[in-house]
Amino acid sequence: MADIRHQSRKKKFIKDFGIYAIGNLGSKLITFLMIPLYTYFVEKPSDYGYFDLCLQVCFLMFPVITLQLRDGAFRFLLDTQDTTERSRIITFAYRTLGITIISTIALAFCLSMFVHIDYLWSTIALLVVMSVYEFLAQISRGLGNNKAFIAVGLIASFGICLFSLIFVAWFKMGIMGIFLANILARVLSIVIVEYKMKTFRRFFNIKIDLKDISKQMLNYSVPLIPVSLCWLFTTTSDRYFVSYFLGFGMTGIYAIAVRFGGLIHTLSNIFLQTWQENAIQQYNSPDRDDFFSKVFNYYIYVLCFTLIAFTFTLKICYGWIIGANYQDSLEFVYLINLSTILFAITVYFELPYQCAKDTKRAIPSIILTAVVNITLNFILTPLLHIYGVILTAIISYLTLIIYRWIDTRRYFTLHFQPRTLIPLSLILISAIPFYLNDNHLIDALYIVLSIFILAIFTPEELKTSIINKFKRTHRYTAN
């Protein structure tokens, strides 16, 4: 009976991972291809740096305008199949979002009367459509409608590609074109998916009683706001320090290097979406510790493989895919991707708090990390410039991993497999050939050698799981 449950659980995890991979990798590949376009048509790194700073402001404001109810809606929808209860959850989430959007627009209007901020209304428009877009995506997940979740991402990414070609490449509108592409793409996605799935029309009911559900959802979601703010400030404050100490030009250079870490971010997001659903459902299982530990160790293997294969391939291709004014960003790519690996590992430790609905306990660790991040950025950025920002990120993520590894023992015991030290050691060693070698043939050979070493030490069960995942993904795509 235990073996059947284990196989069923593993099959579900692989299936979910494949589904989320289709939606995320397909959409991220399209937006990833936009990076060369932006570097060729937005010739000044300072212009792209300013857009990136506006984008980070949107990310930073996102938890405030949404009250983190997108996470709350997903978590509560996952626990119920009752249509009335779903209506209460979705109605409260959307009604609250409407109030916060109106408040945000009013505050922006008041601010514009006293201070001139370039692209203020473009930034506000992007923030609003991002909020509605994310609500629709997470509610679709909570309702078990993975097709809608995938469609939201794919349509938005296709729209960004199409509108970027029109406004950035054709009309040469610079960063205003990037703003328009991102805004209109999300509007297009929201309209098409809502028209097809009718999620809002089916579940939104202005007359329904929200008294009990509002208190429950706010108790869950509100503690996530300071967590998200500290977390986002930790992950996005680097742009502010670079722009303050080094100027918008270096912010643009740094932003391009960071964008290439997006593939690893995407992988961690796919894992988080898959793991979030499965961890919640398996949290009370009798072999929880073994299951959670296996997933963690396998996750590190996949991250390390991605870092080496992707970063060295990128190094080989960098000269012809990135505009001449942004070429200096290559020297930062490996260390940024290394810090992104550490960020991706911290993602694993988000879920215990959500599984236990004990989100308040996540606050101290992320506040500590934010303090470490801000303090080190003030010290290291003036001394080491962009390398100071990168080193700060690495130390901050290591701090968070150590803290939460200890703290989450109250929820489960994590078993670290000694063989997992192999891929971790390999990514540290790989920095040497990345920085000291200029021969692309040697880079290609190193990729092959690294993959061979990782393949030797990869657990057999993980190899089988990867093969099955690709088979299932192919069948899912074919159907």
Foldseek 3Di string as FASTA:
>chain_A
DVVVVVVVLLVLLLLLLLLLCLLLVLLLVLVLLCLLVQQVLQVFLLLLLVLVLLVLVLLLCLCVLQLQLLVLLLLVLLVDPDQQVNLLSLQLSVVSNVVSLVVVVVVLVVVVVPDDDPCSVLSSLLSSLVNLLSSQLSNCVSPVNSVLNSQLSNQLSVQLNVQCCVVCVPVVVRVVSNSVSNNVSSVVSSVVSCVVVVPCVSRHDPPRDNVPVVVVSSLLRNLVSLLSNLVSCLVPVLSVLLCVQPNSRVSSLQVSLLSLLVVLVSSLVSSLSSCLSSCLVCLPPPCSQVVLQVVLLLSLLVLLLCLLLSLLVCLLCVVPSGDPSNSVSNVCNLLSNVLSSLVSSLSSLCRLCSSVSNSNVSNVLSVVLSVQLVVQSVVQCNPPNSVSNSVSSNVSSVSSVVVSLVVSVVRYHHDHDPLSVVSVVVSVVVVCCSPPPDDSVVSVVVSVVSVVSSVVSPDPVSVVSVVVSVVSSVVVVVD
